[in-house]
């Protein structure tokens, strides 16, 4: 029972929200954003299960992929708001809030991406499989042979 209380104090909602904001902001422009989005979704899922985050309602997506309309779930974490894709249960259970309100903005946050990823990785236990090997493949110059050798 002691360890769960220590975990709650090690990861306050404010710190997790800031880390989520930084990871989400960088994921939008990162060349390989899959891991950052996976980290965001894992953290939000765990925060929802622990009661540190709350589902507010549904918004129409500003950038729908292949359809004319797409819904996103609005999540409240501390002073921050995030969007995640809805489940079928979310669509039936949550209230539709209509268009995204541009007047609501997340607070300015200063935190490095490296630190934000470290916080969320410790919180979720998710590791980046792509960079897990300690040995980087080095460039080797090609060897050219004369014709017929």
C-alpha atoms as a PDB file:
ATOM      1  CA  UNK A   1       0.000   0.000   0.000  1.00  0.00           C
ATOM      2  CA  UNK A   2       2.938   2.323   0.696  1.00  0.00           C
ATOM      3  CA  UNK A   3       4.284   2.157  -2.878  1.00  0.00           C
ATOM      4  CA  UNK A   4       1.064   3.509  -4.467  1.00  0.00           C
ATOM      5  CA  UNK A   5       1.177   6.552  -2.206  1.00  0.00           C
ATOM      6  CA  UNK A   6       4.837   7.100  -3.119  1.00  0.00           C
ATOM      7  CA  UNK A   7       3.945   6.823  -6.821  1.00  0.00           C
ATOM      8  CA  UNK A   8       1.244   9.481  -6.451  1.00  0.00           C
ATOM      9  CA  UNK A   9       3.716  11.878  -4.816  1.00  0.00           C
ATOM     10  CA  UNK A  10       6.444  11.088  -7.377  1.00  0.00           C
ATOM     11  CA  UNK A  11       4.110  11.936 -10.272  1.00  0.00           C
ATOM     12  CA  UNK A  12       1.872  14.896  -9.388  1.00  0.00           C
ATOM     13  CA  UNK A  13      -0.831  15.791 -11.917  1.00  0.00           C
ATOM     14  CA  UNK A  14       0.811  19.143 -12.686  1.00  0.00           C
ATOM     15  CA  UNK A  15       4.154  17.532 -13.631  1.00  0.00           C
ATOM     16  CA  UNK A  16       2.500  14.843 -15.752  1.00  0.00           C
ATOM     17  CA  UNK A  17       0.351  17.445 -17.514  1.00  0.00           C
ATOM     18  CA  UNK A  18       3.385  19.574 -18.372  1.00  0.00           C
ATOM     19  CA  UNK A  19       5.261  16.529 -19.693  1.00  0.00           C
ATOM     20  CA  UNK A  20       2.216  15.501 -21.772  1.00  0.00           C
ATOM     21  CA  UNK A  21       1.948  19.002 -23.227  1.00  0.00           C
ATOM     22  CA  UNK A  22       5.618  19.040 -24.309  1.00  0.00           C
ATOM     23  CA  UNK A  23       5.490  15.527 -25.799  1.00  0.00           C
ATOM     24  CA  UNK A  24       2.239  16.332 -27.636  1.00  0.00           C
ATOM     25  CA  UNK A  25       3.620  19.605 -29.012  1.00  0.00           C
ATOM     26  CA  UNK A  26       6.764  17.901 -30.331  1.00  0.00           C
ATOM     27  CA  UNK A  27       4.828  14.921 -31.722  1.00  0.00           C
ATOM     28  CA  UNK A  28       2.933  17.201 -34.095  1.00  0.00           C
ATOM     29  CA  UNK A  29       6.140  18.183 -35.924  1.00  0.00           C
ATOM     30  CA  UNK A  30       8.439  15.189 -35.296  1.00  0.00           C
ATOM     31  CA  UNK A  31       9.562  13.173 -38.330  1.00  0.00           C
ATOM     32  CA  UNK A  32       8.812   9.905 -36.494  1.00  0.00           C
ATOM     33  CA  UNK A  33       5.964  10.771 -34.166  1.00  0.00           C
ATOM     34  CA  UNK A  34       4.564   7.264 -33.533  1.00  0.00           C
ATOM     35  CA  UNK A  35       6.494   6.726 -30.298  1.00  0.00           C
ATOM     36  CA  UNK A  36       5.629  10.183 -28.928  1.00  0.00           C
ATOM     37  CA  UNK A  37       1.922   9.654 -29.608  1.00  0.00           C
ATOM     38  CA  UNK A  38       2.080   6.154 -28.083  1.00  0.00           C
ATOM     39  CA  UNK A  39       3.685   7.663 -24.974  1.00  0.00           C
ATOM     40  CA  UNK A  40       0.979  10.344 -24.817  1.00  0.00           C
ATOM     41  CA  UNK A  41      -1.855   7.816 -25.145  1.00  0.00           C
ATOM     42  CA  UNK A  42      -0.354   5.437 -22.571  1.00  0.00           C
ATOM     43  CA  UNK A  43       0.072   8.288 -20.073  1.00  0.00           C
ATOM     44  CA  UNK A  44      -3.473   9.609 -20.626  1.00  0.00           C
ATOM     45  CA  UNK A  45      -4.932   6.098 -20.326  1.00  0.00           C
ATOM     46  CA  UNK A  46      -3.138   5.550 -17.008  1.00  0.00           C
ATOM     47  CA  UNK A  47      -4.107   9.019 -15.726  1.00  0.00           C
ATOM     48  CA  UNK A  48      -7.760   8.345 -16.585  1.00  0.00           C
ATOM     49  CA  UNK A  49      -7.624   5.019 -14.728  1.00  0.00           C
ATOM     50  CA  UNK A  50      -6.093   6.712 -11.657  1.00  0.00           C
ATOM     51  CA  UNK A  51      -8.536   9.619 -11.709  1.00  0.00           C
ATOM     52  CA  UNK A  52      -5.815  12.185 -12.496  1.00  0.00           C
ATOM     53  CA  UNK A  53      -7.511  13.068 -15.801  1.00  0.00           C
ATOM     54  CA  UNK A  54     -11.133  13.380 -16.883  1.00  0.00           C
ATOM     55  CA  UNK A  55     -13.008  12.996 -20.179  1.00  0.00           C
ATOM     56  CA  UNK A  56     -14.957  16.203 -20.842  1.00  0.00           C
ATOM     57  CA  UNK A  57     -16.745  15.569 -24.131  1.00  0.00           C
ATOM     58  CA  UNK A  58     -16.386  15.244 -27.908  1.00  0.00           C
ATOM     59  CA  UNK A  59     -15.073  17.855 -30.346  1.00  0.00           C
ATOM     60  CA  UNK A  60     -15.193  17.850 -34.103  1.00  0.00           C
ATOM     61  CA  UNK A  61     -11.647  17.351 -35.343  1.00  0.00           C
ATOM     62  CA  UNK A  62     -10.019  20.285 -37.066  1.00  0.00           C
ATOM     63  CA  UNK A  63      -8.100  18.000 -39.453  1.00  0.00           C
ATOM     64  CA  UNK A  64     -10.204  14.913 -40.287  1.00  0.00           C
ATOM     65  CA  UNK A  65      -8.240  12.156 -42.033  1.00  0.00           C
ATOM     66  CA  UNK A  66     -10.317  10.329 -44.622  1.00  0.00           C
ATOM     67  CA  UNK A  67     -13.833  11.414 -43.725  1.00  0.00           C
ATOM     68  CA  UNK A  68     -15.750  14.678 -43.799  1.00  0.00           C
ATOM     69  CA  UNK A  69     -16.116  14.712 -40.001  1.00  0.00           C
ATOM     70  CA  UNK A  70     -14.154  13.121 -37.210  1.00  0.00           C
ATOM     71  CA  UNK A  71     -14.611  13.327 -33.452  1.00  0.00           C
ATOM     72  CA  UNK A  72     -11.920  13.645 -30.786  1.00  0.00           C
ATOM     73  CA  UNK A  73     -12.303  13.173 -27.033  1.00  0.00           C
ATOM     74  CA  UNK A  74     -11.405  16.252 -24.981  1.00  0.00           C
ATOM     75  CA  UNK A  75      -9.379  15.292 -21.898  1.00  0.00           C
ATOM     76  CA  UNK A  76      -8.738  17.575 -18.918  1.00  0.00           C
ATOM     77  CA  UNK A  77      -5.489  17.023 -16.965  1.00  0.00           C
ATOM     78  CA  UNK A  78      -4.817  19.689 -14.346  1.00  0.00           C
ATOM     79  CA  UNK A  79      -4.761  23.033 -16.189  1.00  0.00           C
ATOM     80  CA  UNK A  80      -4.199  21.386 -19.588  1.00  0.00           C
ATOM     81  CA  UNK A  81      -6.496  19.991 -22.287  1.00  0.00           C
ATOM     82  CA  UNK A  82      -5.663  17.248 -24.800  1.00  0.00           C
ATOM     83  CA  UNK A  83      -7.451  15.338 -27.561  1.00  0.00           C
ATOM     84  CA  UNK A  84      -7.384  11.599 -28.161  1.00  0.00           C
ATOM     85  CA  UNK A  85      -9.314   9.399 -30.607  1.00  0.00           C
ATOM     86  CA  UNK A  86     -12.667   8.209 -29.244  1.00  0.00           C
ATOM     87  CA  UNK A  87     -13.767   4.654 -28.571  1.00  0.00           C
ATOM     88  CA  UNK A  88     -17.266   3.484 -29.551  1.00  0.00           C
ATOM     89  CA  UNK A  89     -18.264   3.777 -25.903  1.00  0.00           C
ATOM     90  CA  UNK A  90     -17.049   7.408 -25.813  1.00  0.00           C
ATOM     91  CA  UNK A  91     -19.167   8.299 -28.848  1.00  0.00           C
ATOM     92  CA  UNK A  92     -22.330   6.940 -27.209  1.00  0.00           C
ATOM     93  CA  UNK A  93     -21.622   8.155 -23.667  1.00  0.00           C
ATOM     94  CA  UNK A  94     -19.982  11.605 -23.980  1.00  0.00           C
ATOM     95  CA  UNK A  95     -21.680  14.876 -24.884  1.00  0.00           C
ATOM     96  CA  UNK A  96     -20.829  16.465 -28.244  1.00  0.00           C
ATOM     97  CA  UNK A  97     -19.306  19.901 -27.606  1.00  0.00           C
ATOM     98  CA  UNK A  98     -19.355  20.934 -31.273  1.00  0.00           C
ATOM     99  CA  UNK A  99     -16.487  22.871 -32.815  1.00  0.00           C
ATOM    100  CA  UNK A 100     -13.155  23.348 -31.079  1.00  0.00           C
ATOM    101  CA  UNK A 101     -13.119  26.539 -28.974  1.00  0.00           C
ATOM    102  CA  UNK A 102     -10.068  28.641 -29.926  1.00  0.00           C
ATOM    103  CA  UNK A 103     -10.334  30.828 -26.815  1.00  0.00           C
ATOM    104  CA  UNK A 104      -9.241  27.972 -24.521  1.00  0.00           C
ATOM    105  CA  UNK A 105      -5.456  27.586 -24.611  1.00  0.00           C
ATOM    106  CA  UNK A 106      -3.013  25.501 -22.608  1.00  0.00           C
ATOM    107  CA  UNK A 107      -0.640  27.495 -20.362  1.00  0.00           C
ATOM    108  CA  UNK A 108       2.899  28.294 -21.509  1.00  0.00           C
ATOM    109  CA  UNK A 109       5.272  25.565 -20.412  1.00  0.00           C
ATOM    110  CA  UNK A 110       9.061  25.371 -20.276  1.00  0.00           C
ATOM    111  CA  UNK A 111      10.381  21.802 -20.129  1.00  0.00           C
ATOM    112  CA  UNK A 112      12.798  19.956 -22.401  1.00  0.00           C
ATOM    113  CA  UNK A 113      11.506  17.127 -24.572  1.00  0.00           C
ATOM    114  CA  UNK A 114      14.144  14.814 -23.104  1.00  0.00           C
ATOM    115  CA  UNK A 115      12.939  15.483 -19.551  1.00  0.00           C
ATOM    116  CA  UNK A 116       9.259  15.218 -20.550  1.00  0.00           C
ATOM    117  CA  UNK A 117       9.872  11.850 -22.238  1.00  0.00           C
ATOM    118  CA  UNK A 118      11.814  10.618 -19.195  1.00  0.00           C
ATOM    119  CA  UNK A 119       8.947  11.573 -16.847  1.00  0.00           C
ATOM    120  CA  UNK A 120       6.300   9.856 -18.994  1.00  0.00           C
ATOM    121  CA  UNK A 121       8.482   6.779 -19.578  1.00  0.00           C
ATOM    122  CA  UNK A 122       8.960   6.344 -15.825  1.00  0.00           C
ATOM    123  CA  UNK A 123       5.241   6.893 -15.253  1.00  0.00           C
ATOM    124  CA  UNK A 124       3.982   4.492 -17.932  1.00  0.00           C
ATOM    125  CA  UNK A 125       6.869   2.027 -18.153  1.00  0.00           C
ATOM    126  CA  UNK A 126       6.842   2.415 -21.963  1.00  0.00           C
ATOM    127  CA  UNK A 127      10.252   2.273 -23.661  1.00  0.00           C
ATOM    128  CA  UNK A 128      11.245   3.300 -27.170  1.00  0.00           C
ATOM    129  CA  UNK A 129      12.145   0.035 -28.919  1.00  0.00           C
ATOM    130  CA  UNK A 130      13.803   1.809 -31.822  1.00  0.00           C
ATOM    131  CA  UNK A 131      16.620   3.297 -29.726  1.00  0.00           C
ATOM    132  CA  UNK A 132      16.976   0.511 -27.174  1.00  0.00           C
ATOM    133  CA  UNK A 133      20.221  -1.003 -28.537  1.00  0.00           C
ATOM    134  CA  UNK A 134      23.350   0.541 -27.015  1.00  0.00           C
ATOM    135  CA  UNK A 135      25.368   0.074 -30.223  1.00  0.00           C
ATOM    136  CA  UNK A 136      24.764   2.471 -33.086  1.00  0.00           C
ATOM    137  CA  UNK A 137      25.534   1.196 -36.563  1.00  0.00           C
ATOM    138  CA  UNK A 138      28.486   3.160 -37.893  1.00  0.00           C
ATOM    139  CA  UNK A 139      29.005   4.215 -41.465  1.00  0.00           C
ATOM    140  CA  UNK A 140      31.568   2.146 -43.362  1.00  0.00           C
ATOM    141  CA  UNK A 141      33.079   3.325 -46.597  1.00  0.00           C
ATOM    142  CA  UNK A 142      32.289   1.182 -49.614  1.00  0.00           C
ATOM    143  CA  UNK A 143      35.140  -0.884 -51.023  1.00  0.00           C
ATOM    144  CA  UNK A 144      35.510  -0.633 -54.772  1.00  0.00           C
ATOM    145  CA  UNK A 145      37.262  -3.364 -56.770  1.00  0.00           C
ATOM    146  CA  UNK A 146      38.487  -3.132 -60.303  1.00  0.00           C
ATOM    147  CA  UNK A 147      36.548  -4.995 -62.931  1.00  0.00           C
ATOM    148  CA  UNK A 148      37.608  -8.610 -63.106  1.00  0.00           C
ATOM    149  CA  UNK A 149      39.164  -8.784 -59.609  1.00  0.00           C
END
